[in-house]
Amino acid sequence: MLTLVAFLTAIAILVTVHEWGHYRMAVACGVRVLQFSVGFGPEAFSWISKQSGTRYTIAMLPLGGFVKMLDEREGPVDSADLAYAFNRKPLKARAAVVAAGPIANLVLAVLLYALVNWTGVVEAKAHLSAPVAGSLGGRAGFNGGEIVERAGYEEDSLHDVASYEDFRWWLTRAALDSKDLYVQYQSDLDRAENLAVLKFSGFHAEQADESMFRKIGFTGPYSKPILGDLLSDGAAMAAKLASGDLVMRVDGKPVGDAAQLRDWIRSSGSLSEPQVQDWLVDRKGVAMHIAVTPRRVVDGKVTIGRVGAVIGAQPEMVTVRYGPIEGFTKAAYRTWDAAALTVRMMGQIVTGKASLKNLSGPITIADYAGRSAAIGLTQYLVFLALVSISLGVLNLLPLPMLDGGHLMYYLWEGVTGRAISDAWMERLQRTGLAILLLMMSVAVFNDLHRLLS
């Protein structure tokens, strides 16, 4: 139920802001708005403004909305009202009205990020887990336990890294930009400051899929290799392991952290049936040797080993908070970066450089909405900001039926001095509909694949 409520609330907010952008710009440009509607289906509530005559409607299904303006293309208009018709307005005014919806979504994202920055958000410290064997991080010399302090594309121009999420953001940007990332960190062993270079210049954009962070090597922040809940029918329970056990060694090899232990367990069943392992654990101060045999299971398309236990303690957390000016500035930069990354990713999908698996649909969005809402209001606001950016960027794409498609028509009109013909408009609308349906089909397929795999 929480997932459904969080999803519908998110859609209602984002759609309302989007349509409000169109509405406010239309009013500012002197266009008469006949109806402002949030949602589709039967009306739940409506009223008519005595000043403007605009009908405001809230429908039962909050999955969309529209702004209906006075327009000769939609029906006959009295000669006395022609000055208020949308189609009679100058090209710049029409373009501004169309662009205002996506821009409103981007402005909303800035405000949401700023609110989070001002109030503060609790995030995992930028304390790195042991990198996946053979990964980019492993080749750069990381061993696990490093605390990231700064990062950037230039050695002499590094930026402070406030949390693990902040570091993940740098990793994502570097992966999509294919730029080497300089990372200044403090060693967990000697507390000395070091500099490493993650060679993203050889990292291909098509690798930017759901497994990207395993290829980079950092799948999560550092956490102690402590066992949590155990499955009653799992290998851990059969071996008489217990919740709270601290795993120190496996077959004589020291365990750096939970990520390394999970990776060893997974890899134990990749090629054949896992062998018996000698685990040295600390149980309430007492060292114990326990024989553990992971079980081989199929996870999606790969075969891995599992022990049937939650592995990893709560990571060390930090509160990230900024002042009024810095918080707003960082919010604007974060929105710009996210929008640019979204455009770049879409371009790489179109050119075949990135996987179609990156497209997500309503099922995944609903799932993330529910998860973020369950974590807390702050994470839900961050989720809203990201989806608002995606909605704004998507609507600015030059595809017929989207706001960007209409802006494309206006660009043609501005260059040629004449509006696009009705015949071409119809052809382009059909093409745009086909492309959107194809994108939606791929996104829903990806959603179902993630759900069922």
Protein backbone atom coordinates (compact mmCIF):
# COMPACT_ATOMS: atom_id res chain seq x y z
CA MET A 1 0.00 0.00 0.00
CA LEU A 2 2.85 2.40 0.81
CA THR A 3 4.35 1.81 -2.64
CA LEU A 4 1.05 2.64 -4.36
CA VAL A 5 0.42 5.75 -2.24
CA ALA A 6 4.00 6.99 -2.71
CA PHE A 7 3.84 6.39 -6.47
CA LEU A 8 0.47 8.13 -6.96
CA THR A 9 1.55 11.04 -4.76
CA ALA A 10 4.75 11.45 -6.77
CA ILE A 11 2.93 11.40 -10.10
CA ALA A 12 0.29 13.85 -8.86
CA ILE A 13 2.93 16.31 -7.63
CA LEU A 14 5.11 16.11 -10.73
CA VAL A 15 2.22 16.36 -13.18
CA THR A 16 0.66 19.27 -11.28
CA VAL A 17 3.95 21.20 -11.32
CA HIS A 18 4.44 20.44 -15.02
CA GLU A 19 0.98 21.63 -16.03
CA TRP A 20 1.19 24.59 -13.64
CA GLY A 21 4.28 25.70 -15.58
CA HIS A 22 2.31 25.70 -18.84
CA TYR A 23 -0.62 27.42 -17.13
CA ARG A 24 1.32 30.23 -15.50
CA MET A 25 3.29 31.04 -18.63
CA ALA A 26 0.10 31.01 -20.70
CA VAL A 27 -1.52 33.52 -18.33
CA ALA A 28 1.65 35.65 -18.38
CA CYS A 29 1.59 35.70 -22.19
CA GLY A 30 -2.06 36.76 -22.32
CA VAL A 31 -3.49 33.39 -23.39
CA ARG A 32 -6.93 32.54 -22.03
CA VAL A 33 -6.89 29.21 -20.19
CA LEU A 34 -10.21 27.39 -20.45
CA GLN A 35 -9.39 24.44 -18.18
CA PHE A 36 -6.60 23.35 -15.85
CA SER A 37 -6.95 19.68 -14.99
CA VAL A 38 -4.92 17.36 -12.81
CA GLY A 39 -5.64 13.69 -13.46
CA PHE A 40 -7.89 11.82 -15.84
CA GLY A 41 -11.21 10.05 -15.65
CA PRO A 42 -14.30 11.12 -13.66
CA GLU A 43 -14.09 14.46 -11.93
CA ALA A 44 -13.62 14.35 -8.16
CA PHE A 45 -13.74 18.11 -7.66
CA SER A 46 -13.95 21.22 -9.83
CA TRP A 47 -14.61 24.94 -9.65
CA ILE A 48 -14.66 27.93 -12.01
CA SER A 49 -12.71 31.11 -11.34
CA LYS A 50 -14.95 34.18 -11.36
CA GLN A 51 -12.06 36.38 -12.48
CA SER A 52 -10.58 34.39 -15.36
CA GLY A 53 -13.37 31.93 -16.15
CA THR A 54 -10.86 29.06 -16.00
CA ARG A 55 -12.30 25.72 -14.94
CA TYR A 56 -10.06 23.91 -12.41
CA THR A 57 -10.51 20.17 -12.21
CA ILE A 58 -9.17 17.35 -10.06
CA ALA A 59 -9.93 13.96 -11.58
CA MET A 60 -10.04 10.52 -9.98
CA LEU A 61 -6.88 9.12 -11.63
CA PRO A 62 -3.81 11.27 -10.81
CA LEU A 63 -1.76 9.88 -13.68
CA GLY A 64 -1.69 12.88 -15.97
CA GLY A 65 -3.16 16.28 -16.59
CA PHE A 66 -3.64 18.99 -19.18
CA VAL A 67 -4.09 22.70 -19.76
CA LYS A 68 -6.76 23.58 -22.31
CA MET A 69 -6.22 26.99 -23.88
CA LEU A 70 -8.31 29.10 -26.22
CA ASP A 71 -7.20 28.03 -29.71
CA GLU A 72 -8.80 28.30 -33.13
CA ARG A 73 -7.47 24.84 -33.97
CA GLU A 74 -9.57 23.39 -31.15
CA GLY A 75 -12.83 25.11 -32.08
CA PRO A 76 -14.44 28.38 -33.17
CA VAL A 77 -13.33 31.51 -31.33
CA ASP A 78 -15.34 34.74 -31.12
CA SER A 79 -13.71 37.63 -32.94
CA ALA A 80 -13.63 39.61 -29.69
CA ASP A 81 -11.50 36.87 -28.08
CA LEU A 82 -9.01 36.28 -30.90
CA ALA A 83 -6.35 38.32 -29.11
CA TYR A 84 -6.43 35.73 -26.29
CA ALA A 85 -6.11 32.68 -28.56
CA PHE A 86 -2.91 30.64 -28.27
CA ASN A 87 -2.46 30.24 -32.02
CA ARG A 88 -2.60 34.02 -32.50
CA LYS A 89 0.28 34.70 -30.11
CA PRO A 90 3.80 35.48 -31.37
CA LEU A 91 6.18 32.58 -31.91
CA LYS A 92 8.27 33.46 -28.83
CA ALA A 93 5.20 33.46 -26.60
CA ARG A 94 4.00 30.07 -27.89
CA ALA A 95 7.46 28.58 -27.43
CA ALA A 96 7.66 29.97 -23.89
CA VAL A 97 4.30 28.43 -22.97
CA VAL A 98 5.36 25.01 -24.28
CA ALA A 99 8.80 25.09 -22.64
CA ALA A 100 7.45 26.26 -19.28
CA GLY A 101 6.18 22.80 -18.30
CA PRO A 102 9.52 20.96 -18.47
CA ILE A 103 11.31 23.97 -17.01
CA ALA A 104 8.91 23.90 -14.04
CA ASN A 105 9.93 20.29 -13.39
CA LEU A 106 13.61 21.25 -13.43
CA VAL A 107 12.97 24.18 -11.08
CA LEU A 108 11.09 21.83 -8.75
CA ALA A 109 14.12 19.52 -8.68
CA VAL A 110 16.37 22.44 -7.70
CA LEU A 111 14.02 23.39 -4.87
CA LEU A 112 13.73 19.81 -3.62
CA TYR A 113 17.50 19.31 -3.65
CA ALA A 114 17.94 22.67 -1.92
CA LEU A 115 15.43 21.69 0.78
CA VAL A 116 17.32 18.46 1.37
CA ASN A 117 20.64 20.33 1.50
CA TRP A 118 19.29 22.85 3.99
CA THR A 119 17.59 20.38 6.33
CA GLY A 120 20.36 17.79 6.07
CA VAL A 121 20.40 14.19 4.98
CA VAL A 122 21.93 11.20 6.75
CA GLU A 123 24.09 9.20 4.32
CA ALA A 124 26.78 6.56 4.51
CA LYS A 125 30.29 7.87 5.01
CA ALA A 126 32.57 7.68 1.95
CA HIS A 127 34.32 4.68 3.50
CA LEU A 128 35.06 2.19 0.72
CA SER A 129 34.48 -1.54 0.79
CA ALA A 130 36.96 -3.95 -0.76
CA PRO A 131 36.67 -3.65 -4.56
CA VAL A 132 35.40 -6.53 -6.64
CA ALA A 133 38.28 -8.70 -7.86
CA GLY A 134 39.59 -7.58 -11.26
CA SER A 135 37.52 -4.40 -11.24
CA LEU A 136 38.51 -0.83 -12.07
CA GLY A 137 38.91 0.00 -8.39
CA GLY A 138 41.09 -3.03 -7.77
CA ARG A 139 43.38 -2.14 -10.66
CA ALA A 140 43.66 1.42 -9.29
CA GLY A 141 45.15 0.08 -6.07
CA PHE A 142 42.17 0.22 -3.72
CA ASN A 143 42.05 -2.55 -1.12
CA GLY A 144 39.06 -1.54 0.98
CA GLY A 145 38.88 0.64 4.06
CA GLU A 146 39.89 3.86 2.27
CA ILE A 147 38.04 7.04 3.23
CA VAL A 148 37.44 9.25 0.18
CA GLU A 149 38.00 12.94 0.85
CA ARG A 150 38.02 14.61 -2.58
CA ALA A 151 37.46 13.72 -6.23
CA GLY A 152 37.58 15.36 -9.64
CA TYR A 153 38.67 15.18 -13.27
CA GLU A 154 41.81 17.26 -12.71
CA GLU A 155 44.51 16.47 -10.16
CA ASP A 156 44.83 20.10 -9.14
CA SER A 157 41.08 20.78 -9.06
CA LEU A 158 39.47 18.31 -6.70
CA HIS A 159 36.11 18.71 -4.94
CA ASP A 160 35.15 17.67 -1.43
CA VAL A 161 33.25 14.36 -1.20
CA ALA A 162 30.67 14.57 1.57
CA SER A 163 29.32 11.00 1.56
CA TYR A 164 29.33 7.68 -0.22
CA GLU A 165 26.38 8.82 -2.35
CA ASP A 166 28.43 11.84 -3.36
CA PHE A 167 31.25 9.53 -4.41
CA ARG A 168 28.84 7.30 -6.39
CA TRP A 169 27.71 10.43 -8.23
CA TRP A 170 31.30 11.11 -9.28
CA LEU A 171 31.70 7.49 -10.39
CA THR A 172 28.54 7.69 -12.51
CA ARG A 173 29.61 10.95 -14.16
CA ALA A 174 33.10 9.63 -14.88
CA ALA A 175 31.71 6.40 -16.35
CA LEU A 176 29.35 8.19 -18.74
CA ASP A 177 31.91 10.88 -19.59
CA SER A 178 34.67 8.26 -20.04
CA LYS A 179 37.01 10.55 -18.08
CA ASP A 180 39.69 9.47 -15.62
CA LEU A 181 38.68 10.23 -12.04
CA TYR A 182 41.27 11.44 -9.53
CA VAL A 183 40.44 10.31 -5.99
CA GLN A 184 42.16 11.65 -2.90
CA TYR A 185 41.68 9.35 0.06
CA GLN A 186 42.92 8.58 3.52
CA SER A 187 44.23 5.09 4.17
CA ASP A 188 42.43 3.15 6.84
CA LEU A 189 45.77 1.66 7.92
CA ASP A 190 48.12 4.61 8.35
CA ARG A 191 45.75 7.58 7.91
CA ALA A 192 48.07 8.93 5.22
CA GLU A 193 46.62 10.93 2.34
CA ASN A 194 46.93 9.23 -1.04
CA LEU A 195 45.89 9.91 -4.63
CA ALA A 196 44.61 7.25 -7.02
CA VAL A 197 43.33 7.43 -10.59
CA LEU A 198 40.35 5.42 -11.77
CA LYS A 199 40.96 4.90 -15.50
CA PHE A 200 37.49 5.58 -16.89
CA SER A 201 39.05 6.72 -20.18
CA GLY A 202 39.00 3.03 -21.15
CA PHE A 203 35.54 2.43 -19.70
CA HIS A 204 33.01 2.04 -22.51
CA ALA A 205 29.62 3.72 -22.22
CA GLU A 206 27.81 0.51 -23.13
CA GLN A 207 28.99 -0.85 -19.78
CA ALA A 208 26.78 1.71 -18.00
CA ASP A 209 24.01 -0.70 -17.05
CA GLU A 210 22.65 -2.09 -13.79
CA SER A 211 25.91 -3.96 -13.14
CA MET A 212 28.06 -0.86 -13.70
CA PHE A 213 29.18 -0.50 -10.09
CA ARG A 214 30.35 -4.13 -9.94
CA LYS A 215 32.51 -3.40 -12.98
CA ILE A 216 33.83 -0.27 -11.30
CA GLY A 217 34.35 -2.34 -8.17
CA PHE A 218 32.47 -0.42 -5.46
CA THR A 219 29.10 -1.99 -4.68
CA GLY A 220 28.53 -0.29 -1.34
CA PRO A 221 30.12 1.51 1.60
CA TYR A 222 32.37 -0.26 4.07
CA SER A 223 30.63 -2.45 6.63
CA LYS A 224 32.01 -4.99 9.05
CA PRO A 225 31.55 -8.66 8.03
CA ILE A 226 29.01 -9.35 10.77
CA LEU A 227 26.17 -11.83 10.24
CA GLY A 228 22.62 -10.60 10.58
CA ASP A 229 19.43 -12.65 10.27
CA LEU A 230 19.87 -16.27 9.13
CA LEU A 231 17.44 -18.25 6.99
CA SER A 232 16.12 -21.29 8.80
CA ASP A 233 16.93 -23.58 5.85
CA GLY A 234 20.19 -21.86 4.77
CA ALA A 235 23.77 -23.09 4.82
CA ALA A 236 24.69 -20.65 7.60
CA MET A 237 22.07 -22.06 9.94
CA ALA A 238 23.08 -25.62 9.01
CA ALA A 239 26.68 -24.78 9.92
CA LYS A 240 25.50 -23.44 13.31
CA LEU A 241 26.60 -19.88 12.61
CA ALA A 242 24.77 -17.25 14.64
CA SER A 243 23.52 -13.72 14.18
CA GLY A 244 26.20 -11.33 15.43
CA ASP A 245 29.16 -13.50 14.42
CA LEU A 246 32.10 -11.43 13.14
CA VAL A 247 33.80 -13.30 10.29
CA MET A 248 37.56 -12.77 10.53
CA ARG A 249 39.02 -15.35 8.11
CA VAL A 250 37.85 -17.73 5.39
CA ASP A 251 40.23 -20.61 4.63
CA GLY A 252 42.98 -18.65 6.34
CA LYS A 253 42.47 -15.46 4.30
CA PRO A 254 41.62 -12.33 6.32
CA VAL A 255 38.20 -10.86 5.56
CA GLY A 256 38.42 -7.13 4.90
CA ASP A 257 34.74 -6.27 5.02
CA ALA A 258 31.23 -7.50 4.27
CA ALA A 259 31.48 -6.77 0.54
CA GLN A 260 34.58 -8.95 0.21
CA LEU A 261 32.94 -11.79 2.13
CA ARG A 262 29.82 -11.59 -0.03
CA ASP A 263 31.97 -11.64 -3.17
CA TRP A 264 33.87 -14.74 -1.99
CA ILE A 265 30.62 -16.52 -1.19
CA ARG A 266 29.10 -15.63 -4.57
CA SER A 267 32.18 -16.72 -6.52
CA SER A 268 32.41 -20.04 -4.64
CA GLY A 269 29.49 -21.40 -6.66
CA SER A 270 30.17 -19.80 -10.03
CA LEU A 271 31.98 -22.76 -11.63
CA SER A 272 31.14 -25.83 -9.58
CA GLU A 273 29.57 -27.00 -6.33
CA PRO A 274 31.10 -25.00 -3.45
CA GLN A 275 33.61 -26.76 -1.25
CA VAL A 276 33.65 -26.80 2.54
CA GLN A 277 35.16 -23.57 3.89
CA ASP A 278 36.87 -22.96 7.23
CA TRP A 279 35.39 -19.80 8.75
CA LEU A 280 37.11 -18.19 11.75
CA VAL A 281 34.48 -16.13 13.55
CA ASP A 282 34.45 -14.01 16.68
CA ARG A 283 31.37 -14.81 18.74
CA LYS A 284 31.07 -12.51 21.74
CA GLY A 285 34.84 -12.37 22.13
CA VAL A 286 35.45 -16.06 21.57
CA ALA A 287 37.26 -17.19 18.38
CA MET A 288 35.66 -20.23 16.74
CA HIS A 289 36.44 -22.31 13.64
CA ILE A 290 33.23 -23.31 11.82
CA ALA A 291 32.92 -25.45 8.68
CA VAL A 292 30.59 -23.73 6.18
CA THR A 293 29.48 -25.10 2.80
CA PRO A 294 27.77 -22.46 0.62
CA ARG A 295 24.96 -23.70 -1.60
CA ARG A 296 24.95 -23.28 -5.35
CA VAL A 297 21.92 -21.36 -6.66
CA VAL A 298 20.85 -19.68 -9.89
CA ASP A 299 20.52 -15.89 -9.61
CA GLY A 300 19.08 -14.51 -12.84
CA LYS A 301 21.42 -15.71 -15.58
CA VAL A 302 24.38 -16.57 -13.34
CA THR A 303 25.15 -19.31 -10.85
CA ILE A 304 26.49 -18.21 -7.48
CA GLY A 305 27.11 -19.45 -3.97
CA ARG A 306 24.91 -18.48 -1.00
CA VAL A 307 24.89 -19.15 2.71
CA GLY A 308 21.41 -17.82 3.52
CA ALA A 309 22.37 -14.99 5.86
CA VAL A 310 22.37 -11.21 5.91
CA ILE A 311 26.02 -10.13 5.81
CA GLY A 312 27.19 -6.71 6.87
CA ALA A 313 26.74 -4.29 9.75
CA GLN A 314 25.22 -0.83 9.44
CA PRO A 315 27.74 1.46 7.64
CA GLU A 316 29.07 4.51 9.44
CA MET A 317 26.71 7.41 8.73
CA VAL A 318 27.27 11.17 8.41
CA THR A 319 24.86 14.09 8.25
CA VAL A 320 25.35 16.21 5.14
CA ARG A 321 23.99 19.75 5.52
CA TYR A 322 24.72 23.05 3.74
CA GLY A 323 23.94 26.70 4.34
CA PRO A 324 21.35 28.72 2.36
CA ILE A 325 23.55 29.90 -0.52
CA GLU A 326 25.79 26.83 -0.78
CA GLY A 327 22.79 24.50 -0.46
CA PHE A 328 20.94 26.21 -3.30
CA THR A 329 24.05 26.42 -5.49
CA LYS A 330 24.80 22.73 -5.02
CA ALA A 331 21.15 21.94 -5.76
CA ALA A 332 21.33 23.85 -9.05
CA TYR A 333 24.56 22.11 -10.03
CA ARG A 334 23.14 18.71 -9.05
CA THR A 335 20.04 19.30 -11.18
CA TRP A 336 22.14 20.43 -14.13
CA ASP A 337 24.44 17.43 -13.83
CA ALA A 338 21.53 15.01 -13.53
CA ALA A 339 19.77 16.54 -16.54
CA ALA A 340 22.98 16.44 -18.60
CA LEU A 341 23.60 12.81 -17.62
CA THR A 342 20.03 11.92 -18.54
CA VAL A 343 20.39 13.52 -21.98
CA ARG A 344 23.77 11.84 -22.49
CA MET A 345 22.42 8.45 -21.48
CA MET A 346 19.42 8.80 -23.80
CA GLY A 347 21.74 9.78 -26.64
CA GLN A 348 23.94 6.76 -25.98
CA ILE A 349 20.90 4.48 -25.94
CA VAL A 350 19.77 5.87 -29.31
CA THR A 351 23.25 5.41 -30.82
CA GLY A 352 23.63 1.95 -29.35
CA LYS A 353 26.51 2.90 -27.04
CA ALA A 354 24.47 2.19 -23.91
CA SER A 355 22.18 -0.71 -23.11
CA LEU A 356 18.40 -0.49 -23.51
CA LYS A 357 18.27 -2.09 -20.07
CA ASN A 358 18.75 1.41 -18.64
CA LEU A 359 15.19 2.37 -19.61
CA SER A 360 12.82 2.10 -16.65
CA GLY A 361 9.05 2.22 -16.60
CA PRO A 362 6.23 2.74 -14.10
CA ILE A 363 6.85 -0.51 -12.19
CA THR A 364 10.43 0.38 -11.34
CA ILE A 365 9.46 3.98 -10.55
CA ALA A 366 6.69 2.76 -8.23
CA ASP A 367 9.12 0.37 -6.55
CA TYR A 368 11.68 3.13 -5.96
CA ALA A 369 8.92 5.44 -4.72
CA GLY A 370 7.86 2.89 -2.12
CA ARG A 371 11.43 2.15 -1.03
CA SER A 372 12.38 5.81 -0.68
CA ALA A 373 9.18 6.63 1.21
CA ALA A 374 9.84 3.72 3.59
CA ILE A 375 13.33 5.06 4.33
CA GLY A 376 12.09 8.55 5.13
CA LEU A 377 10.89 11.89 3.84
CA THR A 378 14.35 13.08 2.83
CA GLN A 379 15.01 10.11 0.54
CA TYR A 380 11.53 10.49 -0.92
CA LEU A 381 12.27 14.14 -1.75
CA VAL A 382 15.50 13.06 -3.48
CA PHE A 383 13.51 10.48 -5.44
CA LEU A 384 10.97 13.16 -6.46
CA ALA A 385 13.79 15.42 -7.62
CA LEU A 386 15.32 12.71 -9.82
CA VAL A 387 11.99 11.74 -11.41
CA SER A 388 11.13 15.42 -11.91
CA ILE A 389 14.41 15.89 -13.78
CA SER A 390 13.70 12.82 -15.91
CA LEU A 391 10.20 14.08 -16.69
CA GLY A 392 11.50 17.53 -17.63
CA VAL A 393 14.26 16.18 -19.86
CA LEU A 394 11.99 13.59 -21.49
CA ASN A 395 9.44 16.26 -22.41
CA LEU A 396 12.14 18.42 -23.98
CA LEU A 397 13.19 15.66 -26.38
CA PRO A 398 12.45 16.64 -30.02
CA LEU A 399 9.77 13.96 -30.41
CA PRO A 400 6.31 14.76 -31.78
CA MET A 401 3.59 14.59 -29.09
CA LEU A 402 6.08 15.84 -26.50
CA ASP A 403 6.76 19.48 -25.59
CA GLY A 404 10.12 19.19 -27.33
CA GLY A 405 8.34 18.15 -30.51
CA HIS A 406 6.26 21.31 -30.47
CA LEU A 407 9.40 23.35 -29.87
CA MET A 408 10.86 21.60 -32.93
CA TYR A 409 7.86 22.76 -34.97
CA TYR A 410 8.36 26.32 -33.72
CA LEU A 411 12.04 26.17 -34.64
CA TRP A 412 11.04 25.20 -38.19
CA GLU A 413 8.55 28.05 -38.23
CA GLY A 414 11.17 30.49 -36.99
CA VAL A 415 13.72 29.41 -39.62
CA THR A 416 11.37 29.12 -42.63
CA GLY A 417 8.83 31.75 -41.71
CA ARG A 418 5.91 29.35 -42.12
CA ALA A 419 4.20 26.81 -39.89
CA ILE A 420 4.54 23.11 -40.59
CA SER A 421 1.75 21.75 -42.82
CA ASP A 422 -1.14 19.72 -41.41
CA ALA A 423 -0.12 16.71 -43.52
CA TRP A 424 3.41 16.69 -42.15
CA MET A 425 2.09 17.34 -38.66
CA GLU A 426 -0.05 14.21 -38.88
CA ARG A 427 2.86 12.08 -40.16
CA LEU A 428 5.18 13.32 -37.44
CA GLN A 429 2.57 12.78 -34.74
CA ARG A 430 2.14 9.16 -35.83
CA THR A 431 5.89 8.64 -35.88
CA GLY A 432 6.25 10.18 -32.45
CA LEU A 433 3.47 8.00 -31.07
CA ALA A 434 5.16 4.88 -32.46
CA ILE A 435 8.51 5.85 -30.90
CA LEU A 436 6.91 6.58 -27.52
CA LEU A 437 5.00 3.29 -27.54
CA LEU A 438 8.22 1.47 -28.40
CA MET A 439 10.09 3.20 -25.56
CA MET A 440 7.28 2.40 -23.14
CA SER A 441 7.22 -1.23 -24.24
CA VAL A 442 10.97 -1.60 -23.70
CA ALA A 443 10.72 0.14 -20.31
CA VAL A 444 7.87 -2.10 -19.12
CA PHE A 445 9.73 -5.19 -20.39
CA ASN A 446 12.79 -4.11 -18.39
CA ASP A 447 10.58 -3.55 -15.35
CA LEU A 448 9.10 -7.04 -15.59
CA HIS A 449 12.53 -8.58 -16.17
CA ARG A 450 13.89 -6.90 -13.03
CA LEU A 451 10.81 -7.94 -11.08
CA LEU A 452 10.86 -11.58 -12.13
CA SER A 453 14.62 -12.18 -12.27
